[in-house]
Amino acid sequence: MNAKGEIRDMGLLDLRSAKSAEDLAGISSIKDVGAVLIPDFLVSELTKIDISDVGSIIPIPHGTKVNCMVGEVTLNAATLVNGDPETTLLIAGQAFIEGEVNTIGYKEIQVFGQLFASRKSQQAIGAKLTQMTGQNFYLPDDPRFVRGHMDIGNEFLELLPGPTAFVVMGSLRFEPGVTKEAIKSKITEIVLMGEIKAPRELLPLLEVITKEKMGQIVADE
């Protein structure tokens, strides 16, 4: 925060320590901030502040026990099973749930961002998911994640130990010469949130095996 009380250009602004409106009195404006964490009883006070280009305002429940995780977090099934039944699990960012979840110990789960979990965990997670601002993705077992850029050729597909599902969050490119047969034998399905580029003759097949699509599949020309 500068001398004028302006806060700007931050991925996350954490105001959880604020206890009253007086704690926010020194803030004149909040600009270009990805997310703001603030106690729920102080959310109305933000209307008195000049706010622009803020991705989301995340109210933190007051008067209850909250386990707050921020950023990209990975949790396994055991962590959820052993959660405190009096505590709310709040995740602001991306949550990757590893393994199959059959039961959850936490009182409830709130997610502001994206949640990724096995399809086998959907029922257990859904029963405790009381707040979802963003997207949730229930994925096939043991997928391969593509978060940056990746090129795939026939040799790569040949070396894959077995049929594999892909979750594309970044950019995936199929090289010229990749055959439909190689894709059919080694890629079971694709969940797409990013972009796939491929020779035009492969596009219909890629569209078919992309079971969930929030990105685009385009010709690599």
C-alpha atoms as a PDB file:
ATOM      1  CA  MET A   1       0.000   0.000   0.000  1.00  0.00           C
ATOM      2  CA  ASN A   2       1.409   3.384  -0.994  1.00  0.00           C
ATOM      3  CA  ALA A   3       1.215   6.657   0.940  1.00  0.00           C
ATOM      4  CA  LYS A   4      -2.191   7.450  -0.558  1.00  0.00           C
ATOM      5  CA  GLY A   5      -3.653   4.229   0.755  1.00  0.00           C
ATOM      6  CA  GLU A   6      -3.816   2.575  -2.666  1.00  0.00           C
ATOM      7  CA  ILE A   7      -3.310  -1.173  -2.992  1.00  0.00           C
ATOM      8  CA  ARG A   8      -2.714  -2.493  -6.493  1.00  0.00           C
ATOM      9  CA  ASP A   9      -1.047  -5.104  -8.708  1.00  0.00           C
ATOM     10  CA  MET A  10      -1.310  -8.085  -6.351  1.00  0.00           C
ATOM     11  CA  GLY A  11      -2.348 -11.657  -6.988  1.00  0.00           C
ATOM     12  CA  LEU A  12      -3.893 -11.979  -3.527  1.00  0.00           C
ATOM     13  CA  LEU A  13      -4.816  -9.404  -0.884  1.00  0.00           C
ATOM     14  CA  ASP A  14      -5.227 -11.071   2.508  1.00  0.00           C
ATOM     15  CA  LEU A  15      -7.319  -8.979   4.924  1.00  0.00           C
ATOM     16  CA  ARG A  16      -8.244 -11.848   7.248  1.00  0.00           C
ATOM     17  CA  SER A  17      -6.524 -10.147  10.177  1.00  0.00           C
ATOM     18  CA  ALA A  18      -8.947  -7.176  10.067  1.00  0.00           C
ATOM     19  CA  LYS A  19     -11.139  -7.074  13.192  1.00  0.00           C
ATOM     20  CA  SER A  20     -13.223  -3.957  12.533  1.00  0.00           C
ATOM     21  CA  ALA A  21     -13.982  -1.256   9.985  1.00  0.00           C
ATOM     22  CA  GLU A  22     -11.231   0.859  11.516  1.00  0.00           C
ATOM     23  CA  ASP A  23      -8.664  -1.679  10.328  1.00  0.00           C
ATOM     24  CA  LEU A  24      -9.668  -0.875   6.734  1.00  0.00           C
ATOM     25  CA  ALA A  25      -9.797   2.906   7.203  1.00  0.00           C
ATOM     26  CA  GLY A  26      -6.351   3.455   5.734  1.00  0.00           C
ATOM     27  CA  ILE A  27      -7.246   1.819   2.398  1.00  0.00           C
ATOM     28  CA  SER A  28      -8.475   4.329  -0.197  1.00  0.00           C
ATOM     29  CA  SER A  29      -8.539   2.039  -3.246  1.00  0.00           C
ATOM     30  CA  ILE A  30      -7.901  -1.528  -4.381  1.00  0.00           C
ATOM     31  CA  LYS A  31      -6.977  -2.018  -8.035  1.00  0.00           C
ATOM     32  CA  ASP A  32      -5.728  -4.844 -10.242  1.00  0.00           C
ATOM     33  CA  VAL A  33      -5.920  -7.539  -7.557  1.00  0.00           C
ATOM     34  CA  GLY A  34      -6.709 -11.168  -8.301  1.00  0.00           C
ATOM     35  CA  ALA A  35      -8.607 -11.963  -5.088  1.00  0.00           C
ATOM     36  CA  VAL A  36      -9.386 -10.367  -1.732  1.00  0.00           C
ATOM     37  CA  LEU A  37      -9.768 -12.451   1.434  1.00  0.00           C
ATOM     38  CA  ILE A  38     -11.824 -10.657   4.076  1.00  0.00           C
ATOM     39  CA  PRO A  39     -13.922 -11.619   7.132  1.00  0.00           C
ATOM     40  CA  ASP A  40     -17.550 -11.947   6.027  1.00  0.00           C
ATOM     41  CA  PHE A  41     -18.828  -9.306   8.473  1.00  0.00           C
ATOM     42  CA  LEU A  42     -16.573  -6.701   6.831  1.00  0.00           C
ATOM     43  CA  VAL A  43     -17.551  -7.349   3.202  1.00  0.00           C
ATOM     44  CA  SER A  44     -20.016  -4.438   3.261  1.00  0.00           C
ATOM     45  CA  GLU A  45     -17.167  -2.113   4.251  1.00  0.00           C
ATOM     46  CA  LEU A  46     -15.529  -2.738   0.892  1.00  0.00           C
ATOM     47  CA  THR A  47     -18.342  -0.770  -0.774  1.00  0.00           C
ATOM     48  CA  LYS A  48     -16.828   2.329   0.832  1.00  0.00           C
ATOM     49  CA  ILE A  49     -13.503   1.692  -0.915  1.00  0.00           C
ATOM     50  CA  ASP A  50     -12.770   2.449  -4.556  1.00  0.00           C
ATOM     51  CA  ILE A  51     -12.417  -1.027  -6.089  1.00  0.00           C
ATOM     52  CA  SER A  52     -11.619  -1.803  -9.721  1.00  0.00           C
ATOM     53  CA  ASP A  53     -10.313  -4.808 -11.633  1.00  0.00           C
ATOM     54  CA  VAL A  54     -10.608  -7.208  -8.693  1.00  0.00           C
ATOM     55  CA  GLY A  55     -11.105 -10.829  -9.703  1.00  0.00           C
ATOM     56  CA  SER A  56     -13.074 -12.017  -6.673  1.00  0.00           C
ATOM     57  CA  ILE A  57     -13.947 -11.076  -3.107  1.00  0.00           C
ATOM     58  CA  ILE A  58     -13.839 -14.101  -0.827  1.00  0.00           C
ATOM     59  CA  PRO A  59     -15.705 -13.816   2.478  1.00  0.00           C
ATOM     60  CA  ILE A  60     -14.153 -15.819   5.320  1.00  0.00           C
ATOM     61  CA  PRO A  61     -16.830 -17.143   7.705  1.00  0.00           C
ATOM     62  CA  HIS A  62     -16.733 -15.418  11.097  1.00  0.00           C
ATOM     63  CA  GLY A  63     -17.352 -17.250  14.335  1.00  0.00           C
ATOM     64  CA  THR A  64     -16.478 -20.672  12.932  1.00  0.00           C
ATOM     65  CA  LYS A  65     -13.242 -22.594  12.607  1.00  0.00           C
ATOM     66  CA  VAL A  66     -11.816 -22.219   9.119  1.00  0.00           C
ATOM     67  CA  ASN A  67      -8.866 -23.974   7.507  1.00  0.00           C
ATOM     68  CA  CYS A  68      -7.954 -21.574   4.685  1.00  0.00           C
ATOM     69  CA  MET A  69      -5.665 -22.734   1.875  1.00  0.00           C
ATOM     70  CA  VAL A  70      -4.543 -20.264  -0.779  1.00  0.00           C
ATOM     71  CA  GLY A  71      -2.960 -20.804  -4.196  1.00  0.00           C
ATOM     72  CA  GLU A  72      -2.379 -24.179  -5.836  1.00  0.00           C
ATOM     73  CA  VAL A  73      -2.950 -26.885  -3.241  1.00  0.00           C
ATOM     74  CA  THR A  74      -2.804 -30.663  -3.460  1.00  0.00           C
ATOM     75  CA  LEU A  75      -4.706 -32.750  -0.934  1.00  0.00           C
ATOM     76  CA  ASN A  76      -4.929 -36.513  -0.632  1.00  0.00           C
ATOM     77  CA  ALA A  77      -7.924 -38.534   0.459  1.00  0.00           C
ATOM     78  CA  ALA A  78      -6.502 -39.104   3.958  1.00  0.00           C
ATOM     79  CA  THR A  79      -6.298 -35.348   4.580  1.00  0.00           C
ATOM     80  CA  LEU A  80      -9.993 -34.948   3.817  1.00  0.00           C
ATOM     81  CA  VAL A  81     -11.030 -38.011   5.785  1.00  0.00           C
ATOM     82  CA  ASN A  82      -9.203 -36.746   8.890  1.00  0.00           C
ATOM     83  CA  GLY A  83     -10.561 -33.208   8.677  1.00  0.00           C
ATOM     84  CA  ASP A  84     -12.018 -31.655  11.836  1.00  0.00           C
ATOM     85  CA  PRO A  85     -15.854 -32.004  11.783  1.00  0.00           C
ATOM     86  CA  GLU A  86     -16.136 -28.532  13.350  1.00  0.00           C
ATOM     87  CA  THR A  87     -13.962 -26.867  10.707  1.00  0.00           C
ATOM     88  CA  THR A  88     -14.775 -25.426   7.279  1.00  0.00           C
ATOM     89  CA  LEU A  89     -12.161 -26.118   4.587  1.00  0.00           C
ATOM     90  CA  LEU A  90     -11.888 -23.025   2.381  1.00  0.00           C
ATOM     91  CA  ILE A  91      -9.706 -23.114  -0.710  1.00  0.00           C
ATOM     92  CA  ALA A  92      -8.946 -19.996  -2.748  1.00  0.00           C
ATOM     93  CA  GLY A  93      -7.134 -21.028  -5.931  1.00  0.00           C
ATOM     94  CA  GLN A  94      -6.700 -24.441  -7.524  1.00  0.00           C
ATOM     95  CA  ALA A  95      -7.339 -27.593  -5.516  1.00  0.00           C
ATOM     96  CA  PHE A  96      -6.085 -30.968  -6.739  1.00  0.00           C
ATOM     97  CA  ILE A  97      -7.563 -33.908  -4.810  1.00  0.00           C
ATOM     98  CA  GLU A  98      -5.460 -37.059  -5.151  1.00  0.00           C
ATOM     99  CA  GLY A  99      -6.905 -40.545  -4.815  1.00  0.00           C
ATOM    100  CA  GLU A 100     -10.460 -41.739  -4.300  1.00  0.00           C
ATOM    101  CA  VAL A 101     -12.395 -39.914  -1.581  1.00  0.00           C
ATOM    102  CA  ASN A 102     -15.212 -41.867   0.049  1.00  0.00           C
ATOM    103  CA  THR A 103     -15.860 -39.709   3.096  1.00  0.00           C
ATOM    104  CA  ILE A 104     -14.873 -36.246   4.333  1.00  0.00           C
ATOM    105  CA  GLY A 105     -14.325 -35.272   7.948  1.00  0.00           C
ATOM    106  CA  TYR A 106     -14.609 -31.498   7.482  1.00  0.00           C
ATOM    107  CA  LYS A 107     -17.884 -29.771   8.303  1.00  0.00           C
ATOM    108  CA  GLU A 108     -18.050 -28.332   4.792  1.00  0.00           C
ATOM    109  CA  ILE A 109     -15.885 -27.316   1.825  1.00  0.00           C
ATOM    110  CA  GLN A 110     -15.888 -23.945   0.088  1.00  0.00           C
ATOM    111  CA  VAL A 111     -13.920 -23.416  -3.120  1.00  0.00           C
ATOM    112  CA  PHE A 112     -13.243 -20.108  -4.861  1.00  0.00           C
ATOM    113  CA  GLY A 113     -11.393 -21.117  -8.017  1.00  0.00           C
ATOM    114  CA  GLN A 114     -11.078 -24.581  -9.514  1.00  0.00           C
ATOM    115  CA  LEU A 115     -11.372 -28.034  -8.004  1.00  0.00           C
ATOM    116  CA  PHE A 116      -9.981 -31.176  -9.658  1.00  0.00           C
ATOM    117  CA  ALA A 117     -10.844 -34.608  -8.309  1.00  0.00           C
ATOM    118  CA  SER A 118     -11.472 -38.166  -9.411  1.00  0.00           C
ATOM    119  CA  ARG A 119     -14.932 -38.981 -10.736  1.00  0.00           C
ATOM    120  CA  LYS A 120     -15.079 -41.660  -8.062  1.00  0.00           C
ATOM    121  CA  SER A 121     -14.901 -38.883  -5.453  1.00  0.00           C
ATOM    122  CA  GLN A 122     -17.755 -36.806  -6.853  1.00  0.00           C
ATOM    123  CA  GLN A 123     -20.442 -38.044  -4.486  1.00  0.00           C
ATOM    124  CA  ALA A 124     -18.405 -37.590  -1.296  1.00  0.00           C
ATOM    125  CA  ILE A 125     -17.107 -34.156  -2.269  1.00  0.00           C
ATOM    126  CA  GLY A 126     -20.475 -32.977  -3.552  1.00  0.00           C
ATOM    127  CA  ALA A 127     -22.100 -33.805  -0.223  1.00  0.00           C
ATOM    128  CA  LYS A 128     -19.780 -31.370   1.615  1.00  0.00           C
ATOM    129  CA  LEU A 129     -19.316 -28.720  -1.102  1.00  0.00           C
ATOM    130  CA  THR A 130     -21.458 -25.823   0.140  1.00  0.00           C
ATOM    131  CA  GLN A 131     -19.823 -23.002  -1.843  1.00  0.00           C
ATOM    132  CA  MET A 132     -18.365 -23.267  -5.337  1.00  0.00           C
ATOM    133  CA  THR A 133     -17.347 -20.075  -7.130  1.00  0.00           C
ATOM    134  CA  GLY A 134     -15.511 -21.156 -10.264  1.00  0.00           C
ATOM    135  CA  GLN A 135     -15.417 -24.605 -11.838  1.00  0.00           C
ATOM    136  CA  ASN A 136     -15.116 -28.151 -10.609  1.00  0.00           C
ATOM    137  CA  PHE A 137     -13.726 -30.941 -12.769  1.00  0.00           C
ATOM    138  CA  TYR A 138     -14.189 -34.624 -12.010  1.00  0.00           C
ATOM    139  CA  LEU A 139     -11.476 -36.489 -13.860  1.00  0.00           C
ATOM    140  CA  PRO A 140     -10.659 -40.018 -15.013  1.00  0.00           C
ATOM    141  CA  ASP A 141      -8.242 -42.068 -12.914  1.00  0.00           C
ATOM    142  CA  ASP A 142      -4.506 -41.253 -13.025  1.00  0.00           C
ATOM    143  CA  PRO A 143      -4.576 -38.625 -15.774  1.00  0.00           C
ATOM    144  CA  ARG A 144      -1.511 -36.958 -17.241  1.00  0.00           C
ATOM    145  CA  PHE A 145      -1.618 -33.172 -16.709  1.00  0.00           C
ATOM    146  CA  VAL A 146      -0.342 -30.729 -19.335  1.00  0.00           C
ATOM    147  CA  ARG A 147       0.050 -27.330 -17.655  1.00  0.00           C
ATOM    148  CA  GLY A 148       2.607 -25.659 -19.884  1.00  0.00           C
ATOM    149  CA  HIS A 149       3.327 -26.544 -23.518  1.00  0.00           C
ATOM    150  CA  MET A 150       3.820 -30.078 -24.795  1.00  0.00           C
ATOM    151  CA  ASP A 151       4.450 -31.598 -28.239  1.00  0.00           C
ATOM    152  CA  ILE A 152       3.337 -35.167 -28.899  1.00  0.00           C
ATOM    153  CA  GLY A 153       4.683 -37.326 -31.701  1.00  0.00           C
ATOM    154  CA  ASN A 154       4.343 -40.992 -32.617  1.00  0.00           C
ATOM    155  CA  GLU A 155       7.467 -41.906 -30.644  1.00  0.00           C
ATOM    156  CA  PHE A 156       6.033 -40.395 -27.461  1.00  0.00           C
ATOM    157  CA  LEU A 157       2.788 -42.313 -27.900  1.00  0.00           C
ATOM    158  CA  GLU A 158       4.691 -45.548 -28.514  1.00  0.00           C
ATOM    159  CA  LEU A 159       6.615 -45.066 -25.253  1.00  0.00           C
ATOM    160  CA  LEU A 160       3.525 -44.477 -23.130  1.00  0.00           C
ATOM    161  CA  PRO A 161       3.250 -47.552 -20.903  1.00  0.00           C
ATOM    162  CA  GLY A 162      -0.473 -47.894 -21.459  1.00  0.00           C
ATOM    163  CA  PRO A 163      -3.699 -46.099 -22.368  1.00  0.00           C
ATOM    164  CA  THR A 164      -3.711 -42.718 -20.621  1.00  0.00           C
ATOM    165  CA  ALA A 165      -6.177 -39.887 -20.058  1.00  0.00           C
ATOM    166  CA  PHE A 166      -4.924 -36.323 -20.568  1.00  0.00           C
ATOM    167  CA  VAL A 167      -5.967 -33.167 -18.739  1.00  0.00           C
ATOM    168  CA  VAL A 168      -4.838 -30.207 -20.850  1.00  0.00           C
ATOM    169  CA  MET A 169      -4.625 -26.957 -18.908  1.00  0.00           C
ATOM    170  CA  GLY A 170      -1.943 -25.438 -21.118  1.00  0.00           C
ATOM    171  CA  SER A 171      -1.110 -26.040 -24.770  1.00  0.00           C
ATOM    172  CA  LEU A 172      -0.848 -29.460 -26.428  1.00  0.00           C
ATOM    173  CA  ARG A 173       0.356 -29.915 -30.003  1.00  0.00           C
ATOM    174  CA  PHE A 174       0.202 -33.108 -32.053  1.00  0.00           C
ATOM    175  CA  GLU A 175       3.081 -33.241 -34.516  1.00  0.00           C
ATOM    176  CA  PRO A 176       2.635 -33.956 -38.218  1.00  0.00           C
ATOM    177  CA  GLY A 177       2.693 -37.681 -38.881  1.00  0.00           C
ATOM    178  CA  VAL A 178       0.832 -38.714 -35.735  1.00  0.00           C
ATOM    179  CA  THR A 179      -1.656 -41.372 -36.755  1.00  0.00           C
ATOM    180  CA  LYS A 180      -5.245 -41.851 -35.677  1.00  0.00           C
ATOM    181  CA  GLU A 181      -4.394 -45.416 -34.709  1.00  0.00           C
ATOM    182  CA  ALA A 182      -1.658 -44.263 -32.330  1.00  0.00           C
ATOM    183  CA  ILE A 183      -4.028 -41.836 -30.624  1.00  0.00           C
ATOM    184  CA  LYS A 184      -6.801 -44.425 -30.327  1.00  0.00           C
ATOM    185  CA  SER A 185      -4.467 -46.964 -28.773  1.00  0.00           C
ATOM    186  CA  LYS A 186      -2.795 -44.683 -26.218  1.00  0.00           C
ATOM    187  CA  ILE A 187      -5.159 -41.806 -25.337  1.00  0.00           C
ATOM    188  CA  THR A 188      -8.374 -42.871 -23.646  1.00  0.00           C
ATOM    189  CA  GLU A 189      -9.869 -39.392 -23.316  1.00  0.00           C
ATOM    190  CA  ILE A 190      -9.018 -35.712 -22.997  1.00  0.00           C
ATOM    191  CA  VAL A 191     -10.307 -33.100 -20.572  1.00  0.00           C
ATOM    192  CA  LEU A 192      -9.550 -29.739 -22.166  1.00  0.00           C
ATOM    193  CA  MET A 193      -9.233 -26.348 -20.479  1.00  0.00           C
ATOM    194  CA  GLY A 194      -6.462 -25.002 -22.690  1.00  0.00           C
ATOM    195  CA  GLU A 195      -5.702 -25.448 -26.371  1.00  0.00           C
ATOM    196  CA  ILE A 196      -4.923 -28.355 -28.663  1.00  0.00           C
ATOM    197  CA  LYS A 197      -3.313 -27.916 -32.067  1.00  0.00           C
ATOM    198  CA  ALA A 198      -3.125 -30.808 -34.514  1.00  0.00           C
ATOM    199  CA  PRO A 199      -3.062 -31.643 -38.229  1.00  0.00           C
ATOM    200  CA  ARG A 200      -6.519 -31.054 -39.670  1.00  0.00           C
ATOM    201  CA  GLU A 201      -7.160 -34.760 -40.351  1.00  0.00           C
ATOM    202  CA  LEU A 202      -6.901 -35.491 -36.611  1.00  0.00           C
ATOM    203  CA  LEU A 203      -9.428 -32.884 -35.474  1.00  0.00           C
ATOM    204  CA  PRO A 204     -12.605 -35.046 -35.702  1.00  0.00           C
ATOM    205  CA  LEU A 205     -11.002 -37.817 -33.611  1.00  0.00           C
ATOM    206  CA  LEU A 206      -9.725 -35.361 -31.014  1.00  0.00           C
ATOM    207  CA  GLU A 207     -13.170 -33.802 -30.739  1.00  0.00           C
ATOM    208  CA  VAL A 208     -14.675 -37.245 -30.119  1.00  0.00           C
ATOM    209  CA  ILE A 209     -12.257 -38.273 -27.353  1.00  0.00           C
ATOM    210  CA  THR A 210     -12.416 -34.865 -25.634  1.00  0.00           C
ATOM    211  CA  LYS A 211     -15.097 -35.697 -23.078  1.00  0.00           C
ATOM    212  CA  GLU A 212     -15.067 -32.269 -21.367  1.00  0.00           C
ATOM    213  CA  LYS A 213     -14.128 -29.146 -23.264  1.00  0.00           C
ATOM    214  CA  MET A 214     -13.635 -25.608 -22.029  1.00  0.00           C
ATOM    215  CA  GLY A 215     -10.836 -24.731 -24.448  1.00  0.00           C
ATOM    216  CA  GLN A 216     -10.371 -25.054 -28.194  1.00  0.00           C
ATOM    217  CA  ILE A 217      -9.118 -27.603 -30.711  1.00  0.00           C
ATOM    218  CA  VAL A 218      -7.675 -25.987 -33.813  1.00  0.00           C
ATOM    219  CA  ALA A 219      -5.775 -26.964 -36.949  1.00  0.00           C
ATOM    220  CA  ASP A 220      -1.989 -26.574 -36.762  1.00  0.00           C
ATOM    221  CA  GLU A 221      -1.347 -24.673 -39.957  1.00  0.00           C
END
